[in-house]
N, C-alpha and C. Protein backbone atom coordinates (compact mmCIF):
# COMPACT_ATOMS: atom_id res chain seq x y z
N MET A 1 52.32 -21.93 41.43
CA MET A 1 50.78 -22.02 41.60
C MET A 1 50.59 -23.15 42.42
N SER A 2 49.88 -23.41 44.01
CA SER A 2 49.78 -24.88 43.97
C SER A 2 48.24 -25.51 43.68
N ILE A 3 47.66 -26.61 43.47
CA ILE A 3 47.20 -27.46 43.16
C ILE A 3 46.26 -28.03 44.49
N SER A 4 45.14 -27.29 44.73
CA SER A 4 44.30 -28.23 46.05
C SER A 4 43.72 -29.39 46.05
N ILE A 5 43.74 -30.69 46.60
CA ILE A 5 43.27 -31.61 45.86
C ILE A 5 41.70 -31.77 45.91
N SER A 6 41.58 -31.22 47.66
CA SER A 6 40.64 -31.47 47.72
C SER A 6 39.22 -30.37 46.88
N SER A 7 39.94 -29.30 46.87
CA SER A 7 39.31 -28.26 45.67
C SER A 7 39.00 -28.85 44.83
N LEU A 8 39.97 -29.23 44.06
CA LEU A 8 39.50 -30.59 42.58
C LEU A 8 38.81 -31.36 42.43
N ALA A 9 38.37 -31.64 43.52
CA ALA A 9 37.82 -33.47 44.19
C ALA A 9 36.26 -32.42 43.59
N SER A 10 36.02 -31.29 44.66
CA SER A 10 35.07 -30.84 44.92
C SER A 10 34.66 -30.07 43.84
N SER A 11 35.48 -29.83 43.18
CA SER A 11 34.84 -29.05 41.57
C SER A 11 34.29 -29.90 40.50
N LEU A 12 34.87 -31.09 40.36
CA LEU A 12 34.38 -32.29 39.39
C LEU A 12 33.55 -33.15 39.91
N SER A 13 33.04 -33.03 40.88
CA SER A 13 32.04 -33.12 42.00
C SER A 13 30.50 -32.58 41.67
N SER A 14 30.98 -31.12 41.42
CA SER A 14 29.96 -29.97 41.11
C SER A 14 29.28 -30.17 39.51
N LEU A 15 30.00 -30.83 38.61
CA LEU A 15 29.76 -30.64 37.08
C LEU A 15 28.67 -31.70 36.89
N SER A 16 27.43 -30.99 36.22
CA SER A 16 25.97 -32.16 35.79
C SER A 16 25.95 -31.87 34.73
N PHE A 17 25.37 -32.89 34.19
CA PHE A 17 24.66 -33.05 32.39
C PHE A 17 23.62 -34.03 32.86
N SER A 18 22.34 -33.70 32.61
CA SER A 18 21.19 -33.81 32.33
C SER A 18 20.41 -34.07 31.05
N SER A 19 19.79 -35.40 30.58
CA SER A 19 19.15 -34.74 29.23
C SER A 19 17.64 -35.30 29.73
N GLN A 20 16.95 -34.72 29.05
CA GLN A 20 15.25 -34.78 29.05
C GLN A 20 14.51 -34.70 27.93
N ILE A 21 13.72 -35.74 27.17
CA ILE A 21 12.79 -35.83 26.62
C ILE A 21 11.22 -35.20 26.93
N SER A 22 10.81 -34.17 26.21
CA SER A 22 9.83 -33.57 26.42
C SER A 22 8.35 -34.71 26.27
N GLN A 23 7.25 -34.45 26.64
CA GLN A 23 6.21 -35.16 26.68
C GLN A 23 5.41 -34.94 24.72
N LYS A 24 6.09 -33.65 24.40
CA LYS A 24 5.28 -33.39 23.46
C LYS A 24 6.17 -34.60 22.25
N PRO A 25 5.46 -35.01 21.08
CA PRO A 25 6.21 -36.33 20.19
C PRO A 25 6.79 -35.22 19.18
N ASN A 26 7.79 -36.36 19.20
CA ASN A 26 9.28 -35.63 18.12
C ASN A 26 9.84 -34.54 18.60
N THR A 27 9.59 -34.26 19.42
CA THR A 27 10.70 -33.01 20.11
C THR A 27 11.81 -34.09 21.31
N LEU A 28 12.89 -33.28 21.13
CA LEU A 28 13.93 -34.10 21.93
C LEU A 28 14.99 -32.19 22.41
N SER A 29 14.87 -32.67 24.01
CA SER A 29 15.52 -31.35 24.42
C SER A 29 16.68 -31.84 25.26
N PHE A 30 17.99 -31.20 25.37
CA PHE A 30 18.95 -31.15 26.03
C PHE A 30 19.36 -30.26 26.72
N SER A 31 19.65 -30.73 27.92
CA SER A 31 20.01 -29.19 29.17
C SER A 31 21.35 -29.81 29.80
N ARG A 32 22.37 -28.70 29.86
CA ARG A 32 23.68 -28.46 30.47
C ARG A 32 24.14 -27.86 31.17
N SER A 33 24.04 -28.65 32.37
CA SER A 33 24.38 -27.05 33.22
C SER A 33 26.11 -27.29 33.84
N LYS A 34 26.96 -26.48 33.67
CA LYS A 34 28.06 -26.10 34.19
C LYS A 34 28.15 -26.06 35.27
N SER A 35 28.96 -25.34 36.50
CA SER A 35 29.08 -24.58 37.22
C SER A 35 30.73 -24.14 37.00
N PRO A 36 30.69 -23.01 37.13
CA PRO A 36 32.17 -22.14 36.55
C PRO A 36 33.56 -22.76 38.32
N SER A 37 32.97 -23.22 38.88
CA SER A 37 33.66 -23.58 40.49
C SER A 37 34.68 -24.05 39.86
N LEU A 38 35.02 -24.77 38.52
CA LEU A 38 36.19 -25.63 38.71
C LEU A 38 37.02 -25.34 38.39
N SER A 39 38.11 -25.28 39.38
CA SER A 39 39.28 -24.38 39.34
C SER A 39 40.39 -24.38 39.41
N LEU A 40 41.98 -24.43 38.84
CA LEU A 40 42.96 -25.29 39.27
C LEU A 40 43.58 -24.45 40.65
N SER A 41 43.15 -22.69 40.82
CA SER A 41 44.01 -22.19 41.67
C SER A 41 42.60 -21.58 42.61
N PRO A 42 43.20 -21.86 44.12
CA PRO A 42 42.72 -21.72 44.89
C PRO A 42 41.61 -20.43 45.08
N HIS A 43 42.66 -19.30 44.29
CA HIS A 43 42.31 -17.93 44.60
C HIS A 43 41.37 -17.61 43.32
N SER A 44 40.43 -18.35 42.69
CA SER A 44 39.58 -17.92 41.44
C SER A 44 38.10 -17.28 42.21
N ASN A 45 38.05 -16.93 41.04
CA ASN A 45 36.05 -16.08 41.50
C ASN A 45 35.24 -17.03 41.63
N SER A 46 34.44 -17.17 42.56
CA SER A 46 33.72 -18.58 42.62
C SER A 46 31.77 -17.72 42.33
N ASN A 47 31.69 -16.52 41.95
CA ASN A 47 30.47 -16.02 42.06
C ASN A 47 30.07 -15.60 40.64
N LYS A 48 30.43 -16.34 39.73
CA LYS A 48 29.57 -16.78 38.20
C LYS A 48 28.70 -17.55 38.41
N GLN A 49 27.59 -16.86 37.41
CA GLN A 49 26.21 -17.56 37.24
C GLN A 49 26.41 -18.49 36.51
N PRO A 50 25.84 -20.08 36.83
CA PRO A 50 25.86 -21.00 35.53
C PRO A 50 25.46 -21.02 34.59
N LEU A 51 25.99 -21.53 33.35
CA LEU A 51 26.28 -21.63 31.98
C LEU A 51 25.06 -22.81 31.84
N THR A 52 24.19 -22.60 31.38
CA THR A 52 23.23 -23.34 30.37
C THR A 52 22.66 -23.35 29.16
N LEU A 53 22.83 -24.67 28.47
CA LEU A 53 22.78 -24.74 27.34
C LEU A 53 21.32 -25.70 27.15
N ARG A 54 20.41 -25.58 26.19
CA ARG A 54 19.62 -26.01 25.71
C ARG A 54 19.44 -26.22 24.42
N VAL A 55 19.36 -27.50 23.77
CA VAL A 55 18.75 -27.66 22.50
C VAL A 55 17.20 -28.14 22.43
N THR A 56 17.16 -27.77 21.43
CA THR A 56 15.57 -28.48 21.14
C THR A 56 15.66 -28.84 18.95
N ALA A 57 15.26 -30.19 18.99
CA ALA A 57 14.93 -30.82 18.04
C ALA A 57 13.36 -30.90 17.26
N THR A 58 12.60 -30.79 16.60
CA THR A 58 11.40 -30.94 16.12
C THR A 58 11.26 -30.99 14.55
N VAL A 59 10.89 -32.38 14.42
CA VAL A 59 10.68 -33.33 13.69
C VAL A 59 9.26 -33.03 12.85
N ALA A 60 9.17 -33.14 11.72
CA ALA A 60 7.65 -33.25 11.40
C ALA A 60 7.23 -34.88 10.71
N SER A 61 6.37 -34.75 11.06
CA SER A 61 5.58 -36.01 11.08
C SER A 61 5.20 -36.69 9.32
N PRO A 62 5.86 -37.10 8.44
CA PRO A 62 5.01 -37.62 7.19
C PRO A 62 3.61 -37.60 7.48
N GLU A 63 3.21 -38.57 8.30
CA GLU A 63 1.70 -38.47 8.39
C GLU A 63 0.93 -37.70 7.85
N ALA A 64 1.05 -36.76 8.68
CA ALA A 64 0.45 -35.47 9.36
C ALA A 64 0.44 -34.65 7.69
N THR A 65 1.83 -34.90 7.07
CA THR A 65 1.26 -34.01 5.64
C THR A 65 0.72 -34.71 4.90
N SER A 66 0.99 -36.19 4.61
CA SER A 66 -0.35 -37.12 3.76
C SER A 66 -1.82 -36.52 4.11
N THR A 67 -1.93 -36.69 5.35
CA THR A 67 -3.30 -36.52 5.55
C THR A 67 -3.52 -35.09 5.29
N ASP A 68 -3.24 -33.96 5.66
CA ASP A 68 -3.30 -32.65 4.92
C ASP A 68 -3.68 -32.78 3.40
N LEU A 69 -2.50 -33.22 2.82
CA LEU A 69 -2.72 -33.56 1.12
C LEU A 69 -4.19 -34.40 0.65
N LYS A 70 -4.94 -35.05 1.79
CA LYS A 70 -5.96 -35.88 1.53
C LYS A 70 -6.92 -35.14 1.80
N LYS A 71 -6.71 -34.34 2.90
CA LYS A 71 -8.20 -33.47 2.98
C LYS A 71 -8.18 -32.33 2.14
N LEU A 72 -7.40 -31.68 1.57
CA LEU A 72 -7.07 -30.96 0.52
C LEU A 72 -7.77 -31.39 -0.78
N VAL A 73 -7.47 -32.95 -1.36
CA VAL A 73 -7.77 -33.41 -2.81
C VAL A 73 -9.55 -33.50 -2.28
N LYS A 74 -9.94 -33.66 -1.14
CA LYS A 74 -11.57 -34.12 -0.81
C LYS A 74 -11.99 -32.83 -0.92
N SER A 75 -11.14 -31.26 -0.33
CA SER A 75 -12.13 -30.54 -0.66
C SER A 75 -12.44 -29.76 -1.38
N ARG A 76 -11.14 -29.92 -2.76
CA ARG A 76 -10.94 -29.39 -4.10
C ARG A 76 -11.54 -30.51 -4.81
N LEU A 77 -12.20 -31.73 -4.79
CA LEU A 77 -12.78 -32.44 -5.94
C LEU A 77 -14.17 -33.25 -4.80
N PRO A 78 -14.93 -32.18 -4.93
CA PRO A 78 -16.30 -32.80 -4.27
C PRO A 78 -16.85 -34.04 -5.21
N GLY A 79 -17.50 -34.87 -4.77
CA GLY A 79 -17.87 -36.31 -5.40
C GLY A 79 -17.05 -37.21 -5.84
N GLY A 80 -15.78 -36.87 -5.68
CA GLY A 80 -14.58 -37.99 -6.83
C GLY A 80 -14.30 -37.41 -8.17
N PHE A 81 -13.06 -38.05 -8.20
CA PHE A 81 -12.55 -37.69 -9.61
C PHE A 81 -13.60 -38.28 -10.67
N ALA A 82 -14.85 -38.62 -10.88
CA ALA A 82 -15.32 -38.84 -12.26
C ALA A 82 -16.38 -38.21 -12.38
N ALA A 83 -16.69 -36.89 -10.81
CA ALA A 83 -17.96 -36.11 -11.08
C ALA A 83 -17.19 -34.91 -11.87
N GLN A 84 -15.79 -34.61 -11.63
CA GLN A 84 -15.32 -33.49 -12.22
C GLN A 84 -14.96 -33.26 -13.64
N PRO A 85 -15.39 -32.44 -14.27
CA PRO A 85 -15.69 -31.96 -15.22
C PRO A 85 -14.67 -31.90 -16.35
N VAL A 86 -13.30 -31.82 -16.04
CA VAL A 86 -12.01 -31.53 -16.70
C VAL A 86 -10.96 -33.35 -16.56
N HIS A 87 -11.30 -33.89 -16.92
CA HIS A 87 -10.77 -35.05 -16.31
C HIS A 87 -10.57 -35.90 -17.54
N GLY A 88 -9.62 -37.38 -17.82
CA GLY A 88 -8.99 -37.88 -18.62
C GLY A 88 -8.32 -38.84 -17.79
N THR A 89 -8.21 -40.13 -18.13
CA THR A 89 -7.88 -41.43 -18.22
C THR A 89 -6.46 -41.71 -19.21
N GLY A 90 -5.52 -42.42 -18.49
CA GLY A 90 -4.61 -42.87 -19.25
C GLY A 90 -3.72 -43.72 -18.70
N ARG A 91 -3.28 -45.04 -19.96
CA ARG A 91 -2.99 -46.54 -19.61
C ARG A 91 -1.55 -46.84 -20.44
N ARG A 92 -0.88 -47.11 -19.24
CA ARG A 92 0.72 -47.42 -20.15
C ARG A 92 1.31 -49.17 -19.81
N LYS A 93 1.10 -49.87 -20.32
CA LYS A 93 1.44 -51.20 -20.03
C LYS A 93 0.62 -51.59 -19.17
N CYS A 94 0.89 -52.22 -17.17
CA CYS A 94 -0.63 -52.20 -16.44
C CYS A 94 -1.34 -51.27 -15.83
N ALA A 95 -0.27 -50.25 -15.92
CA ALA A 95 -0.53 -48.79 -15.19
C ALA A 95 -2.54 -48.37 -16.11
N ILE A 96 -2.63 -47.98 -14.94
CA ILE A 96 -3.68 -46.86 -15.46
C ILE A 96 -4.15 -45.76 -13.85
N ALA A 97 -4.01 -44.43 -14.97
CA ALA A 97 -3.88 -43.34 -14.25
C ALA A 97 -5.13 -42.52 -14.41
N ARG A 98 -5.79 -42.21 -13.59
CA ARG A 98 -7.35 -40.80 -13.93
C ARG A 98 -6.79 -39.32 -13.35
N VAL A 99 -6.55 -38.53 -14.13
CA VAL A 99 -5.92 -36.99 -14.09
C VAL A 99 -7.39 -36.48 -13.99
N VAL A 100 -7.06 -35.49 -12.91
CA VAL A 100 -8.41 -34.60 -12.99
C VAL A 100 -7.59 -32.87 -12.77
N LEU A 101 -7.86 -32.13 -13.88
CA LEU A 101 -7.12 -31.12 -13.87
C LEU A 101 -8.44 -29.69 -13.14
N GLN A 102 -7.34 -28.72 -12.60
CA GLN A 102 -8.15 -27.20 -12.12
C GLN A 102 -7.26 -26.35 -12.05
N GLU A 103 -7.80 -25.23 -12.23
CA GLU A 103 -6.92 -23.97 -12.68
C GLU A 103 -6.46 -23.86 -11.17
N GLY A 104 -5.05 -23.30 -11.04
CA GLY A 104 -4.10 -23.50 -10.08
C GLY A 104 -3.21 -22.79 -10.06
N THR A 105 -1.99 -23.41 -9.35
CA THR A 105 -0.39 -23.16 -9.49
C THR A 105 0.53 -23.83 -10.06
N GLY A 106 -0.03 -24.63 -10.52
CA GLY A 106 1.24 -25.70 -10.71
C GLY A 106 1.13 -26.91 -9.99
N LYS A 107 0.38 -27.41 -8.97
CA LYS A 107 0.89 -28.23 -8.08
C LYS A 107 0.31 -30.09 -8.25
N VAL A 108 1.26 -31.12 -8.35
CA VAL A 108 1.27 -32.44 -8.38
C VAL A 108 0.68 -33.40 -7.71
N ILE A 109 0.12 -33.66 -7.46
CA ILE A 109 -0.87 -34.58 -6.20
C ILE A 109 -1.17 -36.03 -6.66
N ILE A 110 -0.20 -36.97 -6.20
CA ILE A 110 -0.23 -38.07 -7.27
C ILE A 110 -0.57 -39.06 -5.54
N ASN A 111 -1.76 -39.82 -5.76
CA ASN A 111 -2.30 -41.11 -4.75
C ASN A 111 -2.17 -40.31 -3.32
N TYR A 112 -2.41 -38.53 -3.40
CA TYR A 112 -2.41 -38.10 -2.11
C TYR A 112 -1.41 -37.49 -1.62
N ARG A 113 -0.05 -37.71 -2.65
CA ARG A 113 0.96 -37.62 -2.18
C ARG A 113 1.96 -36.44 -3.26
N ASP A 114 3.09 -35.61 -3.01
CA ASP A 114 3.51 -34.60 -3.93
C ASP A 114 4.13 -35.64 -4.87
N ALA A 115 4.07 -35.12 -5.90
CA ALA A 115 4.63 -35.93 -6.87
C ALA A 115 6.06 -36.15 -6.93
N LYS A 116 6.49 -35.51 -6.73
CA LYS A 116 8.00 -35.38 -6.44
C LYS A 116 8.41 -36.43 -5.58
N GLU A 117 7.63 -36.31 -4.31
CA GLU A 117 7.75 -37.09 -3.40
C GLU A 117 7.58 -38.77 -3.94
N TYR A 118 6.59 -38.96 -4.65
CA TYR A 118 6.14 -40.28 -5.24
C TYR A 118 6.69 -40.66 -6.11
N LEU A 119 7.46 -39.80 -7.03
CA LEU A 119 8.15 -40.67 -7.70
C LEU A 119 9.50 -40.68 -7.95
N GLN A 120 9.39 -40.62 -6.13
CA GLN A 120 11.48 -40.43 -5.66
C GLN A 120 11.98 -39.54 -6.46
N GLY A 121 11.80 -38.72 -6.84
CA GLY A 121 12.79 -37.55 -7.52
C GLY A 121 13.32 -37.65 -9.28
N ASN A 122 12.66 -38.59 -9.24
CA ASN A 122 13.40 -39.14 -10.45
C ASN A 122 13.05 -37.68 -11.75
N PRO A 123 13.90 -37.43 -12.14
CA PRO A 123 13.79 -36.33 -13.08
C PRO A 123 12.76 -36.38 -14.14
N LEU A 124 13.24 -37.72 -15.27
CA LEU A 124 12.78 -38.19 -16.10
C LEU A 124 10.95 -38.26 -16.05
N TRP A 125 10.86 -39.07 -14.87
CA TRP A 125 9.16 -39.38 -14.40
C TRP A 125 8.80 -38.12 -14.26
N LEU A 126 9.39 -37.17 -13.43
CA LEU A 126 8.13 -36.07 -13.19
C LEU A 126 8.07 -35.20 -14.84
N GLN A 127 9.15 -35.32 -15.80
CA GLN A 127 9.13 -34.77 -17.05
C GLN A 127 7.98 -35.45 -18.02
N TYR A 128 7.64 -36.97 -17.65
CA TYR A 128 6.62 -37.34 -18.35
C TYR A 128 4.90 -36.85 -17.97
N VAL A 129 5.28 -36.63 -16.70
CA VAL A 129 3.69 -35.92 -16.23
C VAL A 129 3.80 -34.50 -16.59
N LYS A 130 4.95 -33.56 -16.66
CA LYS A 130 4.54 -32.28 -16.87
C LYS A 130 4.96 -31.91 -18.80
N VAL A 131 5.46 -32.75 -19.62
CA VAL A 131 5.44 -32.59 -20.85
C VAL A 131 4.23 -31.97 -21.15
N PRO A 132 2.69 -32.68 -21.13
CA PRO A 132 1.93 -32.00 -21.58
C PRO A 132 1.23 -30.48 -21.35
N LEU A 133 1.52 -29.71 -19.78
CA LEU A 133 1.44 -28.76 -19.72
C LEU A 133 2.39 -27.90 -19.97
N VAL A 134 3.81 -28.23 -20.43
CA VAL A 134 4.70 -27.75 -20.59
C VAL A 134 4.65 -26.81 -22.20
N THR A 135 4.14 -28.08 -22.90
CA THR A 135 3.84 -28.26 -24.34
C THR A 135 3.40 -26.70 -24.85
N LEU A 136 1.98 -26.60 -23.56
CA LEU A 136 0.75 -25.74 -24.06
C LEU A 136 1.35 -24.57 -23.10
N GLY A 137 2.16 -24.44 -22.34
CA GLY A 137 2.95 -23.41 -21.57
C GLY A 137 1.62 -23.08 -20.42
N TYR A 138 1.20 -24.57 -19.86
CA TYR A 138 0.28 -24.26 -18.58
C TYR A 138 0.90 -25.24 -17.57
N GLU A 139 2.17 -24.84 -17.28
CA GLU A 139 2.83 -25.89 -16.25
C GLU A 139 2.55 -24.27 -15.49
N SER A 140 1.67 -23.52 -15.13
CA SER A 140 1.94 -22.74 -13.64
C SER A 140 0.66 -22.23 -13.51
N SER A 141 -0.60 -22.93 -14.39
CA SER A 141 -1.76 -22.45 -14.49
C SER A 141 -2.91 -23.73 -14.14
N TYR A 142 -2.46 -25.02 -13.92
CA TYR A 142 -3.08 -25.87 -13.86
C TYR A 142 -2.47 -26.59 -12.34
N ASP A 143 -3.64 -27.14 -11.32
CA ASP A 143 -3.20 -28.78 -10.94
C ASP A 143 -3.86 -29.53 -10.89
N VAL A 144 -2.73 -30.49 -10.78
CA VAL A 144 -3.09 -32.08 -11.27
C VAL A 144 -3.43 -32.72 -10.07
N PHE A 145 -4.72 -33.53 -10.25
CA PHE A 145 -4.87 -34.37 -8.94
C PHE A 145 -5.08 -35.88 -9.68
N VAL A 146 -4.44 -36.92 -9.11
CA VAL A 146 -4.25 -38.18 -10.05
C VAL A 146 -4.56 -39.45 -9.11
N LYS A 147 -5.20 -40.04 -9.89
CA LYS A 147 -5.55 -41.14 -8.72
C LYS A 147 -4.72 -42.52 -9.79
N ALA A 148 -3.51 -43.30 -9.27
CA ALA A 148 -2.52 -44.51 -10.24
C ALA A 148 -3.24 -45.55 -9.35
N HIS A 149 -3.03 -46.71 -10.44
CA HIS A 149 -2.83 -47.87 -9.53
C HIS A 149 -1.88 -48.74 -10.95
N GLY A 150 -1.62 -49.91 -10.50
CA GLY A 150 -0.96 -51.10 -11.73
C GLY A 150 0.32 -50.53 -11.82
N GLY A 151 1.05 -51.31 -12.47
CA GLY A 151 2.32 -51.32 -12.88
C GLY A 151 2.87 -50.68 -12.00
N GLY A 152 4.26 -50.40 -12.20
CA GLY A 152 5.49 -49.60 -11.95
C GLY A 152 5.29 -47.94 -12.14
N LEU A 153 6.34 -46.98 -11.43
CA LEU A 153 5.84 -45.91 -11.25
C LEU A 153 6.70 -45.32 -13.02
N SER A 154 7.32 -45.93 -13.20
CA SER A 154 8.16 -45.62 -14.78
C SER A 154 6.25 -45.63 -15.80
N GLY A 155 5.24 -46.69 -15.74
CA GLY A 155 4.47 -46.95 -16.60
C GLY A 155 3.33 -46.02 -15.73
N GLN A 156 3.25 -45.71 -14.49
CA GLN A 156 2.26 -44.88 -14.03
C GLN A 156 2.80 -43.69 -14.29
N ALA A 157 3.58 -42.64 -14.57
CA ALA A 157 4.52 -41.07 -15.03
C ALA A 157 3.81 -41.25 -16.53
N GLN A 158 4.00 -42.42 -17.43
CA GLN A 158 3.52 -42.13 -18.76
C GLN A 158 2.02 -42.46 -19.29
N ALA A 159 1.47 -42.77 -17.78
CA ALA A 159 0.20 -43.13 -18.97
C ALA A 159 -0.47 -41.71 -17.83
N ILE A 160 0.12 -41.64 -16.94
CA ILE A 160 -0.41 -39.38 -16.06
C ILE A 160 -0.04 -38.99 -17.44
N SER A 161 0.55 -38.76 -17.97
CA SER A 161 0.88 -37.77 -19.78
C SER A 161 0.01 -38.34 -20.22
N LEU A 162 -0.31 -39.12 -20.83
CA LEU A 162 -1.50 -39.47 -21.41
C LEU A 162 -2.65 -38.85 -20.90
N GLY A 163 -3.21 -39.19 -19.96
CA GLY A 163 -3.95 -38.51 -18.74
C GLY A 163 -4.73 -36.88 -18.97
N VAL A 164 -3.55 -36.84 -18.44
CA VAL A 164 -3.33 -34.86 -18.49
C VAL A 164 -3.39 -34.67 -20.22
N ALA A 165 -2.83 -35.13 -20.98
CA ALA A 165 -3.08 -34.72 -22.79
C ALA A 165 -4.54 -34.71 -22.96
N ARG A 166 -4.97 -35.56 -22.61
CA ARG A 166 -6.79 -35.82 -22.41
C ARG A 166 -7.34 -34.98 -22.07
N ALA A 167 -6.94 -34.66 -20.77
CA ALA A 167 -8.14 -33.75 -19.86
C ALA A 167 -7.94 -32.49 -21.02
N LEU A 168 -6.74 -31.88 -20.98
CA LEU A 168 -6.40 -31.18 -21.85
C LEU A 168 -7.19 -30.92 -22.68
N LEU A 169 -8.06 -31.71 -23.53
CA LEU A 169 -8.48 -31.39 -25.28
C LEU A 169 -10.67 -31.52 -24.63
N LYS A 170 -10.44 -31.90 -23.34
CA LYS A 170 -11.92 -31.22 -22.47
C LYS A 170 -11.24 -29.60 -21.99
N VAL A 171 -10.80 -28.70 -22.06
CA VAL A 171 -10.14 -27.44 -21.54
C VAL A 171 -10.61 -27.23 -23.24
N SER A 172 -10.47 -27.77 -24.15
CA SER A 172 -10.22 -26.81 -25.46
C SER A 172 -9.60 -27.65 -26.92
N GLN A 173 -10.55 -27.80 -27.41
CA GLN A 173 -10.08 -28.68 -28.76
C GLN A 173 -9.09 -27.98 -29.90
N ASN A 174 -8.94 -26.72 -29.37
CA ASN A 174 -7.94 -25.97 -30.23
C ASN A 174 -6.48 -27.03 -29.49
N HIS A 175 -6.45 -27.44 -28.31
CA HIS A 175 -4.90 -27.92 -27.84
C HIS A 175 -4.87 -29.58 -29.19
N ARG A 176 -5.82 -30.02 -29.50
CA ARG A 176 -5.24 -30.91 -30.21
C ARG A 176 -4.57 -31.33 -31.43
N ILE A 177 -4.24 -29.77 -31.43
CA ILE A 177 -2.82 -29.78 -32.77
C ILE A 177 -1.39 -30.12 -32.35
N PRO A 178 -1.10 -29.12 -31.59
CA PRO A 178 0.32 -29.15 -30.95
C PRO A 178 0.54 -30.11 -29.45
N LEU A 179 -0.51 -30.86 -29.26
CA LEU A 179 -0.62 -32.78 -28.69
C LEU A 179 -0.15 -33.38 -29.57
N LYS A 180 -1.14 -33.39 -30.49
CA LYS A 180 -0.85 -34.59 -31.52
C LYS A 180 0.51 -34.42 -32.38
N ARG A 181 1.19 -33.31 -32.63
CA ARG A 181 2.35 -33.23 -33.15
C ARG A 181 3.17 -33.43 -32.27
N GLN A 182 3.44 -33.41 -31.33
CA GLN A 182 4.12 -33.80 -30.19
C GLN A 182 4.18 -35.45 -29.51
N GLY A 183 3.15 -35.85 -30.27
CA GLY A 183 2.63 -37.60 -29.89
C GLY A 183 2.45 -37.88 -28.42
N LEU A 184 0.98 -36.84 -27.87
CA LEU A 184 0.97 -36.84 -26.42
C LEU A 184 -0.52 -37.57 -26.49
N LEU A 185 -1.18 -37.44 -27.65
CA LEU A 185 -2.48 -38.40 -28.02
C LEU A 185 -2.28 -39.64 -28.01
N THR A 186 -1.03 -40.22 -28.61
CA THR A 186 -1.25 -41.58 -28.66
C THR A 186 -1.04 -42.62 -27.84
N ARG A 187 -1.73 -43.95 -27.39
CA ARG A 187 -1.71 -44.67 -26.63
C ARG A 187 -0.59 -45.82 -26.89
N ASP A 188 0.74 -46.02 -26.11
CA ASP A 188 1.42 -46.48 -26.63
C ASP A 188 1.08 -47.81 -25.70
N SER A 189 1.12 -48.82 -27.32
CA SER A 189 0.75 -49.97 -27.21
C SER A 189 1.50 -51.03 -26.67
N ARG A 190 2.71 -51.10 -26.81
CA ARG A 190 3.83 -51.86 -26.65
C ARG A 190 3.77 -52.71 -25.18
N VAL A 191 3.85 -53.75 -24.53
CA VAL A 191 3.46 -54.84 -23.39
C VAL A 191 4.64 -55.63 -23.60
N VAL A 192 5.07 -56.30 -22.21
CA VAL A 192 5.98 -57.30 -22.15
C VAL A 192 5.34 -58.32 -22.97
N GLU A 193 5.78 -59.15 -24.04
CA GLU A 193 5.30 -60.29 -24.50
C GLU A 193 5.19 -61.27 -23.72
N ARG A 194 4.71 -62.30 -23.76
CA ARG A 194 4.30 -63.51 -22.61
C ARG A 194 5.02 -64.74 -23.11
N LYS A 195 5.48 -65.35 -22.06
CA LYS A 195 6.18 -66.26 -22.24
C LYS A 195 5.87 -67.80 -22.64
N LYS A 196 6.75 -68.46 -23.54
CA LYS A 196 6.05 -69.18 -24.54
C LYS A 196 6.23 -70.62 -24.12
N VAL A 197 5.26 -71.91 -24.49
CA VAL A 197 5.73 -73.22 -24.02
C VAL A 197 7.13 -73.90 -24.52
N GLY A 198 7.95 -74.71 -23.65
CA GLY A 198 9.33 -74.88 -24.13
C GLY A 198 10.16 -73.83 -24.64
N LEU A 199 9.90 -72.58 -24.00
CA LEU A 199 10.95 -71.58 -24.20
C LEU A 199 11.18 -71.24 -22.95
N LYS A 200 12.50 -70.39 -22.15
CA LYS A 200 12.69 -69.73 -21.40
C LYS A 200 11.98 -68.79 -20.84
N LYS A 201 12.30 -67.90 -21.77
CA LYS A 201 11.50 -66.06 -22.05
C LYS A 201 10.36 -66.60 -23.24
N ALA A 202 10.06 -65.15 -23.18
CA ALA A 202 9.33 -64.89 -24.66
C ALA A 202 9.44 -65.18 -25.86
N ARG A 203 11.08 -65.37 -25.88
CA ARG A 203 11.78 -65.86 -27.85
C ARG A 203 13.04 -66.56 -27.05
N LYS A 204 13.32 -66.46 -26.05
CA LYS A 204 15.00 -67.12 -25.58
C LYS A 204 14.49 -68.63 -25.41
N ALA A 205 15.30 -69.50 -26.58
CA ALA A 205 15.11 -70.87 -26.21
C ALA A 205 16.33 -71.80 -25.89
N PRO A 206 16.02 -72.67 -24.85
CA PRO A 206 17.22 -73.67 -24.54
C PRO A 206 18.69 -74.02 -25.21
N GLN A 207 19.71 -74.34 -24.51
CA GLN A 207 20.72 -74.63 -25.68
C GLN A 207 20.51 -76.11 -26.31
N PHE A 208 20.74 -75.40 -27.37
CA PHE A 208 20.62 -76.76 -28.69
C PHE A 208 22.15 -77.58 -28.38
N SER A 209 21.39 -79.23 -28.28
CA SER A 209 22.46 -80.05 -28.34
C SER A 209 22.12 -80.96 -29.29
N LYS A 210 22.91 -81.03 -30.19
CA LYS A 210 22.83 -82.33 -31.55
C LYS A 210 22.89 -83.82 -30.96
N ARG A 211 23.86 -83.97 -30.22
CA ARG A 211 23.79 -85.42 -29.68
C ARG A 211 23.46 -85.59 -28.23
């Protein structure tokens, strides 16, 4: 079998690869065309159609999702959080959470974001939010809308738990006994103790030297 150098060079020059970015946002397209005229034998068939490969990837924008949730909350809560009949306020350390309950399918939206995304997927913090609903068997019966600020995510999650429990009391006073039995209506008053003058922290003292 003989190989023609001129035919090999012409075949290599016929290879082409092109990349193209479309005008649509967050869309990337690749187009690759390869001519099958590359051959090591001069007797090969060159009448085949070119092969084309096209890949398109689309990425959803997180800003669009946040905007949709904000529109949903405003449509479900006309007049704001304070104007809703079933609401409660919870506090923990420096965190304050205002909670509104509405009949739904169990959605939890915190500061116009999904609860799992807002609480970084932490199972303990998500459990804090849902404990009052699970205690009464309402985890799939109410949608929870929350506006929280101050403190960290742990404090906000526990503040939301107290707010949900207080909101459930406005649904029915019969919920008080099971919620009280689980300690969900008690405000946890523990906070960080302040630093004292002459000490390094609240109680830690500098090393004592006798001489």
